[in-house]
Amino acid sequence: MEYGLKRLKKYSKIKMSIDILFITPNSSKKVYQELSKDYSAIEPPTWSLLLAQSCRSRNFKVSILDANAERLDNDTSLLKIKKLNPRLICFVVYGQNVNAGTTNMVGATQLANHIKKNNIETPIIFVGSHIQALPIKTLKDEPSIDIICTNEGVYALHNLLKLKSFDEKSLININGIGFRKNGLAQLTAPEKVVPQERMDLDLPGYAWDLLPFKNKPFDLYRAPMWHAEYLEENRTPYAAIQTSLGCQFGCSFCMINIINRNDNDEIGVASNYSKMRFWSTEFILEEFKKLFDYGVKTIRIVDEMFLLNPKYYIPLCEKLKEYNRNDELKMWAYSRIDTIRRKNILELVRSAGIKWLCLGIESGNKNIRLEVSKGKFEDVDVEQVVNQVHNANIDIMANYIYGLPGDSKQTINETFELSKKLNTLGWNTYAAMALPGSALYKDAINKNYKLPEKYEDFSFHAYNTTPLPTENLEPWEILKLRDENFIKYHSNEDFLNKIQNKFGQKAKGNIVEMIKVKLRRKIIEEAEKNLS
């Protein structure tokens, strides 16, 4: 069957049940291996919810299919799509980690291909970080995709839904998209992202009511183990919410700002589009209140830089404090390690129900940390900051990266020894990846580094994970150090005793069981075989 847009004139005359169906794909098995069964988090699809509500506010009929939360196979998803009979199908391909926009392309493209092979001629649109980073390549690689959005897609989707047909003459006038014209990938003029002054109006909240559930709302979603204090019964109901979009910094390993792109370069680099936009405090508080009314108290604040601008987070925390008088909220947020030293901020944050802060420490070596962050960090005493957070009765998920430029076995050992000394109750370490959309990706291409061949190879936890080399270390060596240190840290007696003292014996036992799940790594297996 021909994939493309030539057939769509005939299709556009068919009467549809809804205007657009937003699909969150299921890539869990490929991305997390055996961790997907019991341990990986399942997060509400933030951007599907935002885009659905935005289109609904323009009087379009919308629906959400969360194949990830429902753990749907392609055949079951197909049946649901046929029943909903949408005019447009939009795959929203992001995720709960920065690399997930690429890794979730696995499930997204498999389902898109399945749709086409089963003679459903509904136009398929993709929006997400991988597409934003590599728009032309995506159109060339994936014939099942009819249209792509080159940034967050809000205005492009609004304008697409106004069309009566989806032929080439109509599409060429829609800014911020890509499609094939005469079989060749083509991008239209760039579209703007929602400006600050229009955030409450054009991204007017979340379509929470469209999420699937089993017995009660949000019961298909589960928090990370550490956020739930390593207790299964605390993991659900669970939700995630953003109070801002983007980041004003330009770290070389990150691609978070790719949603802001405003050009048609063949390879988008997120650090070129650094900016932040905020919803108003009153508006976001209403979204929190909706979650509380649903009975959700375990919540992730997704913002890359939540504790950056006091103008927004201080009044929000002051209001949230009123909903946390019984200390029932279990929330977590990200923070720069050099902005939480403001006087009395930590006390306010804790009173608002934010019981965990995720700190991007990245490296135990100061020179490496300052180089890759490109202005993200001031030169701070990491140990002092961590102690201040702990003294405020806030727990820490500490994030580290192995294999940053300049890393060696010695500097990685410095990072691991620092992490043991800090002894935070959350420990998360990734091998540095050339994520599409990051400066590291374009740099890797310029240096002719071997890059992952498949979408799932960009996953931090997959069998085929392929991190970057450094001047001193091969990719398999970096990944081996990461996996070994994960086990070492979570089996360290100082750490386990601290877990038991704070969260109890059951939480400690759950960690012991968790580290029995061993990740297989192809490049490690091959390297060790060659060495033996």
Protein backbone atom coordinates (compact mmCIF):
# COMPACT_ATOMS: atom_id res chain seq x y z
CA MET A 1 0.00 0.00 0.00
CA GLU A 2 1.21 3.50 -0.79
CA TYR A 3 2.11 5.59 2.24
CA GLY A 4 1.73 9.28 1.62
CA LEU A 5 -0.83 12.00 1.02
CA LYS A 6 -2.04 11.35 -2.53
CA ARG A 7 -4.89 9.15 -1.29
CA LEU A 8 -6.19 11.72 1.21
CA LYS A 9 -8.58 13.65 -1.04
CA LYS A 10 -10.89 10.64 -1.11
CA TYR A 11 -10.36 10.01 2.59
CA SER A 12 -11.22 13.59 3.60
CA LYS A 13 -14.83 13.09 2.46
CA ILE A 14 -15.43 10.27 4.98
CA LYS A 15 -17.41 11.34 8.06
CA MET A 16 -15.30 11.12 11.22
CA SER A 17 -16.33 10.63 14.86
CA ILE A 18 -13.68 12.91 16.38
CA ASP A 19 -11.30 15.47 14.94
CA ILE A 20 -8.03 14.23 16.44
CA LEU A 21 -6.79 11.29 18.49
CA PHE A 22 -3.62 11.81 20.54
CA ILE A 23 -1.68 8.57 21.00
CA THR A 24 1.01 7.88 23.58
CA PRO A 25 2.90 4.79 22.36
CA ASN A 26 3.96 1.75 24.36
CA SER A 27 7.72 1.22 24.14
CA SER A 28 8.22 -0.02 27.70
CA LYS A 29 9.71 -3.46 27.04
CA LYS A 30 12.29 -2.20 24.56
CA VAL A 31 13.20 0.78 26.72
CA TYR A 32 13.39 -0.73 30.22
CA GLN A 33 13.86 -4.48 29.67
CA GLU A 34 12.64 -6.45 32.72
CA LEU A 35 12.42 -3.27 34.80
CA SER A 36 9.26 -2.39 32.83
CA LYS A 37 7.24 -5.08 34.60
CA ASP A 38 7.38 -3.81 38.18
CA TYR A 39 9.87 -0.99 38.61
CA SER A 40 9.80 1.63 35.87
CA ALA A 41 7.43 4.55 36.41
CA ILE A 42 4.31 5.04 34.29
CA GLU A 43 3.67 8.73 33.93
CA PRO A 44 0.61 10.53 32.56
CA PRO A 45 1.38 11.81 29.05
CA THR A 46 1.94 15.49 29.77
CA TRP A 47 2.05 16.72 26.17
CA SER A 48 -0.88 14.60 24.99
CA LEU A 49 -2.90 16.19 27.80
CA LEU A 50 -1.73 19.71 26.97
CA LEU A 51 -2.32 19.41 23.23
CA ALA A 52 -5.69 17.72 23.70
CA GLN A 53 -6.91 20.47 25.99
CA SER A 54 -5.55 23.15 23.67
CA CYS A 55 -7.39 21.70 20.65
CA ARG A 56 -10.52 21.13 22.73
CA SER A 57 -10.48 24.80 23.73
CA ARG A 58 -10.82 25.57 20.00
CA ASN A 59 -13.97 23.43 19.86
CA PHE A 60 -12.37 20.44 18.17
CA LYS A 61 -13.44 16.96 19.28
CA VAL A 62 -10.47 15.14 20.82
CA SER A 63 -9.55 11.90 22.53
CA ILE A 64 -6.45 10.28 24.06
CA LEU A 65 -5.20 6.72 23.63
CA ASP A 66 -2.52 5.97 26.21
CA ALA A 67 -1.15 2.65 24.96
CA ASN A 68 1.70 2.92 27.45
CA ALA A 69 -0.48 3.13 30.57
CA GLU A 70 -2.88 0.46 29.34
CA ARG A 71 0.02 -1.71 28.10
CA LEU A 72 -1.78 -2.22 24.79
CA ASP A 73 -0.43 -4.31 21.96
CA ASN A 74 -0.77 -3.04 18.41
CA ASP A 75 -3.86 -5.10 17.56
CA THR A 76 -5.78 -3.85 20.59
CA SER A 77 -4.71 -0.27 19.86
CA LEU A 78 -5.93 -0.70 16.30
CA LEU A 79 -9.38 -1.78 17.46
CA LYS A 80 -9.65 1.28 19.70
CA ILE A 81 -8.56 3.57 16.86
CA LYS A 82 -11.17 2.09 14.52
CA LYS A 83 -13.87 2.60 17.12
CA LEU A 84 -12.92 6.25 17.69
CA ASN A 85 -12.63 6.87 13.92
CA PRO A 86 -10.58 10.10 14.13
CA ARG A 87 -10.06 12.56 11.31
CA LEU A 88 -6.39 12.87 12.31
CA ILE A 89 -4.09 10.61 14.36
CA CYS A 90 -1.38 12.41 16.30
CA PHE A 91 1.42 10.44 17.94
CA VAL A 92 2.81 12.49 20.82
CA VAL A 93 6.29 11.11 21.34
CA TYR A 94 7.86 12.44 24.51
CA GLY A 95 8.36 10.67 27.85
CA GLN A 96 9.43 10.96 31.46
CA ASN A 97 13.18 11.10 30.73
CA VAL A 98 15.04 13.48 28.44
CA ASN A 99 15.91 10.69 26.00
CA ALA A 100 12.39 9.30 25.82
CA GLY A 101 11.35 11.27 22.75
CA THR A 102 13.75 9.16 20.72
CA THR A 103 13.34 5.84 22.53
CA ASN A 104 9.55 6.04 22.39
CA MET A 105 9.78 6.26 18.62
CA VAL A 106 10.07 2.45 18.83
CA GLY A 107 6.48 1.87 19.85
CA ALA A 108 5.20 4.87 17.92
CA THR A 109 6.57 3.81 14.53
CA GLN A 110 5.59 0.17 15.05
CA LEU A 111 1.98 1.15 15.72
CA ALA A 112 1.98 3.69 12.87
CA ASN A 113 3.17 0.99 10.47
CA HIS A 114 0.52 -1.37 11.82
CA ILE A 115 -2.18 1.23 11.18
CA LYS A 116 -1.12 1.71 7.57
CA LYS A 117 -0.76 -2.02 6.88
CA ASN A 118 -4.34 -2.49 8.05
CA ASN A 119 -5.62 -0.02 5.47
CA ILE A 120 -6.58 2.79 7.83
CA GLU A 121 -5.96 5.84 5.70
CA THR A 122 -6.29 8.43 8.44
CA PRO A 123 -3.38 10.92 8.17
CA ILE A 124 -0.74 10.28 10.82
CA ILE A 125 1.00 13.23 12.48
CA PHE A 126 4.05 12.96 14.75
CA VAL A 127 5.06 15.58 17.30
CA GLY A 128 7.91 15.11 19.78
CA SER A 129 11.53 15.85 20.56
CA HIS A 130 13.07 13.37 18.10
CA ILE A 131 11.00 14.78 15.26
CA GLN A 132 11.88 18.33 16.28
CA ALA A 133 15.58 17.44 16.33
CA LEU A 134 15.66 15.52 13.04
CA PRO A 135 12.62 16.49 10.95
CA ILE A 136 13.94 15.68 7.48
CA LYS A 137 15.57 12.42 8.57
CA THR A 138 12.37 11.31 10.28
CA LEU A 139 10.30 11.86 7.13
CA LYS A 140 12.88 9.98 5.07
CA ASP A 141 13.13 7.07 7.52
CA GLU A 142 9.45 6.60 8.35
CA PRO A 143 7.04 6.26 5.40
CA SER A 144 4.09 5.65 7.74
CA ILE A 145 4.33 9.26 8.99
CA ASP A 146 2.38 11.69 6.80
CA ILE A 147 2.99 14.96 8.65
CA ILE A 148 5.39 16.14 11.36
CA CYS A 149 5.33 19.19 13.63
CA THR A 150 8.69 20.94 13.84
CA ASN A 151 8.23 22.43 17.32
CA GLU A 152 5.68 21.93 20.10
CA GLY A 153 2.98 21.97 17.46
CA VAL A 154 0.23 23.94 19.18
CA TYR A 155 -0.54 26.40 16.40
CA ALA A 156 0.29 23.94 13.63
CA LEU A 157 -2.30 21.49 14.97
CA HIS A 158 -4.94 24.21 15.34
CA ASN A 159 -4.41 25.22 11.73
CA LEU A 160 -4.32 21.65 10.42
CA LEU A 161 -7.63 20.89 12.06
CA LYS A 162 -9.22 23.83 10.25
CA LEU A 163 -8.43 22.25 6.87
CA LYS A 164 -11.16 20.50 4.92
CA SER A 165 -8.65 18.28 3.12
CA PHE A 166 -4.99 17.37 3.58
CA ASP A 167 -3.61 17.62 0.08
CA GLU A 168 -0.25 19.17 -0.72
CA LYS A 169 -1.76 22.51 -1.78
CA SER A 170 -3.42 22.88 1.63
CA LEU A 171 -0.48 21.66 3.71
CA ILE A 172 2.05 24.00 2.13
CA ASN A 173 0.23 26.94 3.76
CA ILE A 174 0.47 25.50 7.31
CA ASN A 175 3.54 26.80 9.13
CA GLY A 176 5.60 24.56 11.38
CA ILE A 177 5.06 21.20 9.68
CA GLY A 178 6.83 18.81 7.34
CA PHE A 179 5.44 16.38 4.78
CA ARG A 180 6.39 14.80 1.45
CA LYS A 181 5.82 16.70 -1.75
CA ASN A 182 6.24 14.57 -4.85
CA GLY A 183 7.86 11.99 -2.59
CA LEU A 184 10.46 14.37 -1.18
CA ALA A 185 10.59 15.56 2.44
CA GLN A 186 9.73 19.23 2.74
CA LEU A 187 9.38 21.67 5.65
CA THR A 188 7.10 24.66 5.63
CA ALA A 189 8.00 28.02 7.16
CA PRO A 190 8.70 27.82 10.92
CA GLU A 191 5.85 28.40 13.36
CA LYS A 192 6.16 30.30 16.63
CA VAL A 193 5.73 28.63 20.00
CA VAL A 194 3.06 29.86 22.38
CA PRO A 195 4.34 33.21 23.71
CA GLN A 196 4.46 34.00 27.40
CA GLU A 197 1.43 36.27 27.27
CA ARG A 198 -0.71 33.54 25.65
CA MET A 199 0.23 30.58 27.86
CA ASP A 200 -2.99 30.50 29.91
CA LEU A 201 -5.06 31.02 26.77
CA ASP A 202 -3.50 28.78 24.13
CA LEU A 203 -2.22 26.02 26.41
CA PRO A 204 -5.17 26.11 28.81
CA GLY A 205 -4.37 23.20 31.09
CA TYR A 206 -4.67 19.43 30.96
CA ALA A 207 -7.38 17.13 29.63
CA TRP A 208 -7.23 14.98 32.79
CA ASP A 209 -10.70 13.57 32.18
CA LEU A 210 -9.55 11.82 28.98
CA LEU A 211 -7.02 9.56 30.72
CA PRO A 212 -7.79 5.84 30.99
CA PHE A 213 -8.19 4.14 34.36
CA LYS A 214 -9.08 0.75 35.75
CA ASN A 215 -11.08 1.36 38.93
CA LYS A 216 -10.50 5.03 39.71
CA PRO A 217 -8.76 7.95 37.98
CA PHE A 218 -4.96 7.80 37.72
CA ASP A 219 -4.72 4.22 38.99
CA LEU A 220 -2.89 3.09 35.82
CA TYR A 221 -0.05 5.49 36.57
CA ARG A 222 2.71 4.77 39.06
CA ALA A 223 5.47 6.87 40.57
CA PRO A 224 9.15 5.92 40.54
CA MET A 225 10.02 3.60 43.42
CA TRP A 226 12.13 6.20 45.20
CA HIS A 227 9.39 8.86 44.99
CA ALA A 228 7.03 6.38 46.66
CA GLU A 229 9.56 5.91 49.48
CA TYR A 230 10.29 2.47 47.97
CA LEU A 231 6.83 1.23 48.94
CA GLU A 232 4.55 -0.17 46.24
CA GLU A 233 1.35 1.01 47.94
CA ASN A 234 2.49 4.66 47.64
CA ARG A 235 3.03 4.57 43.87
CA THR A 236 -0.52 5.19 42.67
CA PRO A 237 -2.53 7.30 41.99
CA TYR A 238 0.20 9.37 40.40
CA ALA A 239 0.31 12.44 38.17
CA ALA A 240 2.79 14.85 36.60
CA ILE A 241 2.35 18.54 35.91
CA GLN A 242 4.39 21.42 34.48
CA THR A 243 4.31 25.00 35.71
CA SER A 244 6.72 26.20 33.03
CA LEU A 245 8.19 25.09 29.71
CA GLY A 246 11.81 25.02 28.65
CA CYS A 247 15.03 26.16 30.27
CA GLN A 248 17.12 29.30 29.95
CA PHE A 249 20.42 27.39 29.98
CA GLY A 250 22.21 25.42 27.27
CA CYS A 251 23.79 22.25 28.67
CA SER A 252 25.51 20.24 25.94
CA PHE A 253 24.03 16.88 27.01
CA CYS A 254 20.41 18.09 27.19
CA MET A 255 17.74 18.47 24.51
CA ILE A 256 14.88 19.84 26.63
CA ASN A 257 14.69 23.13 24.69
CA ILE A 258 14.15 21.49 21.32
CA ILE A 259 10.40 22.19 21.71
CA ASN A 260 11.25 25.87 21.21
CA ARG A 261 12.92 25.56 17.82
CA ASN A 262 12.11 28.28 15.33
CA ASP A 263 14.18 27.35 12.27
CA ASN A 264 14.40 24.60 9.66
CA ASP A 265 17.97 23.42 10.16
CA GLU A 266 18.32 19.77 9.22
CA ILE A 267 19.70 19.01 12.71
CA GLY A 268 18.15 20.99 15.54
CA VAL A 269 20.34 21.78 18.58
CA ALA A 270 18.36 22.54 21.73
CA SER A 271 20.89 24.98 23.19
CA ASN A 272 20.12 27.31 20.27
CA TYR A 273 16.54 27.71 21.49
CA SER A 274 16.98 28.30 25.22
CA LYS A 275 13.98 30.07 26.73
CA MET A 276 11.44 29.64 29.49
CA ARG A 277 7.71 30.31 29.53
CA PHE A 278 5.42 30.22 32.57
CA TRP A 279 1.76 29.76 33.24
CA SER A 280 0.30 32.16 35.79
CA THR A 281 0.31 31.03 39.42
CA GLU A 282 -3.49 31.18 39.67
CA PHE A 283 -3.91 29.09 36.54
CA ILE A 284 -1.49 26.35 37.63
CA LEU A 285 -3.01 26.25 41.11
CA GLU A 286 -6.35 25.38 39.53
CA GLU A 287 -4.71 22.41 37.80
CA PHE A 288 -3.24 21.23 41.10
CA LYS A 289 -6.69 21.55 42.70
CA LYS A 290 -8.17 19.34 39.99
CA LEU A 291 -5.60 16.66 40.81
CA PHE A 292 -6.32 16.94 44.52
CA ASP A 293 -10.04 16.55 43.78
CA TYR A 294 -9.23 13.36 41.89
CA GLY A 295 -7.48 12.11 45.03
CA VAL A 296 -3.97 12.43 43.61
CA LYS A 297 -1.36 13.46 46.14
CA THR A 298 1.74 11.84 44.67
CA ILE A 299 2.83 14.30 41.98
CA ARG A 300 5.88 15.08 39.91
CA ILE A 301 6.52 18.72 38.99
CA VAL A 302 8.11 18.23 35.58
CA ASP A 303 9.73 21.66 35.11
CA GLU A 304 13.41 21.45 34.30
CA MET A 305 14.02 24.49 36.53
CA PHE A 306 11.16 24.71 39.01
CA LEU A 307 13.11 26.58 41.69
CA LEU A 308 14.63 29.14 39.36
CA ASN A 309 12.28 32.12 39.24
CA PRO A 310 10.94 33.21 42.67
CA LYS A 311 8.27 35.32 40.95
CA TYR A 312 6.47 32.09 40.02
CA TYR A 313 7.41 29.38 42.49
CA ILE A 314 7.16 31.33 45.75
CA PRO A 315 3.47 32.33 45.43
CA LEU A 316 2.64 28.84 44.14
CA CYS A 317 4.34 27.17 47.11
CA GLU A 318 2.61 29.58 49.48
CA LYS A 319 -0.76 28.47 48.06
CA LEU A 320 0.15 24.76 47.99
CA LYS A 321 1.10 24.99 51.64
CA GLU A 322 -2.58 25.54 52.43
CA TYR A 323 -3.43 22.18 50.81
CA ASN A 324 -0.69 20.40 52.73
CA ARG A 325 -1.67 21.18 56.29
CA ASN A 326 -1.76 17.47 57.15
CA ASP A 327 1.50 16.85 55.29
CA GLU A 328 -0.25 14.43 52.92
CA LEU A 329 1.24 15.65 49.66
CA LYS A 330 4.17 13.69 48.21
CA MET A 331 5.63 15.83 45.46
CA TRP A 332 9.03 16.14 43.82
CA ALA A 333 10.64 18.79 41.68
CA TYR A 334 13.91 19.57 39.92
CA SER A 335 16.26 22.26 41.09
CA ARG A 336 19.53 23.84 40.17
CA ILE A 337 22.02 23.04 42.86
CA ASP A 338 22.98 26.71 43.16
CA THR A 339 19.52 28.29 43.55
CA ILE A 340 18.22 26.56 46.66
CA ARG A 341 20.52 28.45 48.97
CA ARG A 342 18.18 31.42 49.17
CA LYS A 343 17.13 32.09 52.75
CA ASN A 344 14.03 30.21 53.94
CA ILE A 345 13.34 28.74 50.49
CA LEU A 346 13.79 25.13 51.57
CA GLU A 347 11.40 25.52 54.50
CA LEU A 348 8.75 26.93 52.16
CA VAL A 349 9.31 24.17 49.61
CA ARG A 350 8.95 21.46 52.23
CA SER A 351 5.79 23.03 53.69
CA ALA A 352 4.25 22.98 50.18
CA GLY A 353 4.49 19.18 50.13
CA ILE A 354 7.62 18.92 48.00
CA LYS A 355 9.40 16.13 49.86
CA TRP A 356 12.00 15.31 47.21
CA LEU A 357 14.29 17.49 45.13
CA CYS A 358 16.10 16.15 42.08
CA LEU A 359 19.52 17.74 41.90
CA GLY A 360 21.63 17.48 38.77
CA ILE A 361 25.05 17.08 40.33
CA GLU A 362 26.29 15.41 37.11
CA SER A 363 29.95 14.93 38.09
CA GLY A 364 32.12 14.84 41.19
CA ASN A 365 34.80 16.65 39.22
CA LYS A 366 34.21 20.40 39.33
CA ASN A 367 35.94 21.15 36.03
CA ILE A 368 33.84 18.61 34.14
CA ARG A 369 30.66 19.82 35.81
CA LEU A 370 31.27 23.45 34.91
CA GLU A 371 32.29 22.66 31.33
CA VAL A 372 29.25 20.62 30.27
CA SER A 373 26.73 22.85 32.05
CA LYS A 374 27.64 25.94 29.99
CA GLY A 375 26.67 28.36 32.73
CA LYS A 376 24.12 26.18 34.47
CA PHE A 377 26.12 26.02 37.70
CA GLU A 378 27.90 28.47 39.84
CA ASP A 379 30.91 26.99 41.62
CA VAL A 380 29.16 25.67 44.74
CA ASP A 381 30.03 23.38 47.60
CA VAL A 382 27.87 20.40 46.63
CA GLU A 383 28.17 18.71 50.01
CA GLN A 384 27.07 21.86 51.83
CA VAL A 385 24.01 22.27 49.59
CA VAL A 386 23.00 18.62 50.05
CA ASN A 387 23.29 18.98 53.82
CA GLN A 388 21.08 22.09 53.74
CA VAL A 389 18.40 20.19 51.82
CA HIS A 390 18.56 17.22 54.18
CA ASN A 391 18.39 19.55 57.19
CA ALA A 392 15.10 20.90 55.80
CA ASN A 393 13.71 17.34 55.89
CA ILE A 394 13.72 17.09 52.10
CA ASP A 395 15.10 13.97 50.47
CA ILE A 396 17.25 14.09 47.36
CA MET A 397 17.32 12.21 44.10
CA ALA A 398 20.89 12.89 43.00
CA ASN A 399 21.52 12.70 39.26
CA TYR A 400 24.96 11.90 37.85
CA ILE A 401 26.30 11.32 34.35
CA TYR A 402 29.19 9.02 33.51
CA GLY A 403 31.15 9.57 30.30
CA LEU A 404 30.99 13.33 30.02
CA PRO A 405 33.75 14.98 27.95
CA GLY A 406 36.97 14.68 29.95
CA ASP A 407 35.79 11.74 32.04
CA SER A 408 38.19 8.91 32.90
CA LYS A 409 38.00 5.99 35.31
CA GLN A 410 39.51 8.28 37.91
CA THR A 411 36.94 11.07 37.51
CA ILE A 412 34.06 8.58 37.38
CA ASN A 413 35.38 7.07 40.60
CA GLU A 414 35.48 10.58 42.08
CA THR A 415 31.81 10.96 41.17
CA PHE A 416 30.88 7.62 42.71
CA GLU A 417 32.82 8.30 45.92
CA LEU A 418 31.11 11.69 46.22
CA SER A 419 27.71 10.04 45.77
CA LYS A 420 28.46 7.56 48.56
CA LYS A 421 29.59 10.38 50.83
CA LEU A 422 26.41 12.38 50.13
CA ASN A 423 24.37 9.20 50.73
CA THR A 424 21.16 10.55 49.24
CA LEU A 425 18.07 8.33 49.38
CA GLY A 426 17.75 8.54 45.60
CA TRP A 427 20.62 7.75 43.23
CA ASN A 428 20.32 7.99 39.47
CA THR A 429 23.20 7.71 37.02
CA TYR A 430 23.21 7.61 33.22
CA ALA A 431 25.92 7.00 30.69
CA ALA A 432 26.30 10.13 28.54
CA MET A 433 24.32 9.77 25.32
CA ALA A 434 24.40 11.76 22.11
CA LEU A 435 20.67 12.44 22.32
CA PRO A 436 19.14 13.81 19.12
CA GLY A 437 18.53 17.49 19.77
CA SER A 438 21.54 17.89 22.07
CA ALA A 439 24.80 19.60 21.21
CA LEU A 440 26.55 16.30 21.96
CA TYR A 441 24.62 14.68 19.08
CA LYS A 442 25.77 17.19 16.47
CA ASP A 443 29.27 17.12 17.90
CA ALA A 444 29.32 13.30 17.65
CA ILE A 445 28.34 13.52 13.98
CA ASN A 446 31.12 16.02 13.31
CA LYS A 447 33.61 13.71 15.03
CA ASN A 448 32.33 10.61 13.20
CA TYR A 449 31.52 8.79 16.43
CA LYS A 450 29.51 5.61 16.17
CA LEU A 451 25.93 6.53 17.04
CA PRO A 452 23.05 4.24 18.01
CA GLU A 453 21.47 2.59 14.98
CA LYS A 454 17.96 2.08 16.37
CA TYR A 455 15.63 4.23 18.45
CA GLU A 456 15.81 1.89 21.44
CA ASP A 457 19.61 2.12 21.43
CA PHE A 458 19.22 5.65 22.85
CA SER A 459 17.53 4.27 25.97
CA PHE A 460 19.60 4.42 29.14
CA HIS A 461 18.34 0.97 30.18
CA ALA A 462 18.03 -0.98 26.92
CA TYR A 463 19.98 -4.03 25.80
CA ASN A 464 21.42 -2.10 22.85
CA THR A 465 22.28 1.10 24.76
CA THR A 466 25.19 2.81 23.02
CA PRO A 467 26.69 5.72 24.99
CA LEU A 468 29.40 8.08 23.79
CA PRO A 469 33.09 7.32 24.22
CA THR A 470 35.46 9.76 25.90
CA GLU A 471 39.11 10.45 25.18
CA ASN A 472 39.93 7.87 27.86
CA LEU A 473 37.10 5.32 27.86
CA GLU A 474 35.23 3.11 25.41
CA PRO A 475 31.42 3.14 25.54
CA TRP A 476 31.22 -0.36 27.03
CA GLU A 477 33.59 0.61 29.86
CA ILE A 478 31.45 3.61 30.78
CA LEU A 479 28.24 1.56 30.73
CA LYS A 480 29.82 -1.21 32.79
CA LEU A 481 30.91 1.28 35.45
CA ARG A 482 27.41 2.72 35.55
CA ASP A 483 25.69 -0.67 35.96
CA GLU A 484 28.19 -1.94 38.54
CA ASN A 485 27.94 1.24 40.59
CA PHE A 486 24.15 1.10 40.53
CA ILE A 487 24.35 -2.25 42.34
CA LYS A 488 27.14 -1.10 44.65
CA TYR A 489 25.29 2.02 45.74
CA HIS A 490 21.95 0.31 46.36
CA SER A 491 23.57 -2.52 48.30
CA ASN A 492 25.76 -0.22 50.39
CA GLU A 493 25.00 -0.75 54.09
CA ASP A 494 25.13 2.96 54.93
CA PHE A 495 22.49 3.62 52.28
CA LEU A 496 20.28 0.66 53.23
CA ASN A 497 20.42 1.51 56.93
CA LYS A 498 19.40 5.08 56.15
CA ILE A 499 16.48 3.77 54.07
CA GLN A 500 15.36 1.48 56.87
CA ASN A 501 15.57 4.23 59.48
CA LYS A 502 13.45 6.62 57.39
CA PHE A 503 11.07 4.39 55.41
CA GLY A 504 11.16 1.05 57.23
CA GLN A 505 12.27 -2.53 56.75
CA LYS A 506 9.84 -3.17 53.90
CA ALA A 507 11.31 -0.34 51.85
CA LYS A 508 14.80 -1.73 52.41
CA GLY A 509 13.63 -5.17 51.33
CA ASN A 510 12.11 -3.76 48.14
CA ILE A 511 15.45 -2.23 47.19
CA VAL A 512 17.22 -5.53 47.79
CA GLU A 513 14.72 -7.21 45.46
CA MET A 514 15.00 -4.45 42.85
CA ILE A 515 18.74 -4.81 42.39
CA LYS A 516 18.30 -8.51 41.62
CA VAL A 517 16.92 -7.43 38.23
CA LYS A 518 20.03 -7.38 36.05
CA LEU A 519 20.13 -5.40 32.82
CA ARG A 520 21.72 -7.14 29.86
CA ARG A 521 24.01 -4.96 27.73
CA LYS A 522 25.07 -6.03 24.27
CA ILE A 523 28.24 -3.92 24.02
CA ILE A 524 29.46 -5.18 27.41
CA GLU A 525 28.80 -8.81 26.49
CA GLU A 526 30.63 -8.43 23.17
CA ALA A 527 33.61 -6.61 24.72
CA GLU A 528 34.04 -9.15 27.51
CA LYS A 529 33.76 -12.00 25.00
CA ASN A 530 36.52 -10.46 22.89
CA LEU A 531 38.72 -9.98 25.95
CA SER A 532 38.33 -13.56 27.20
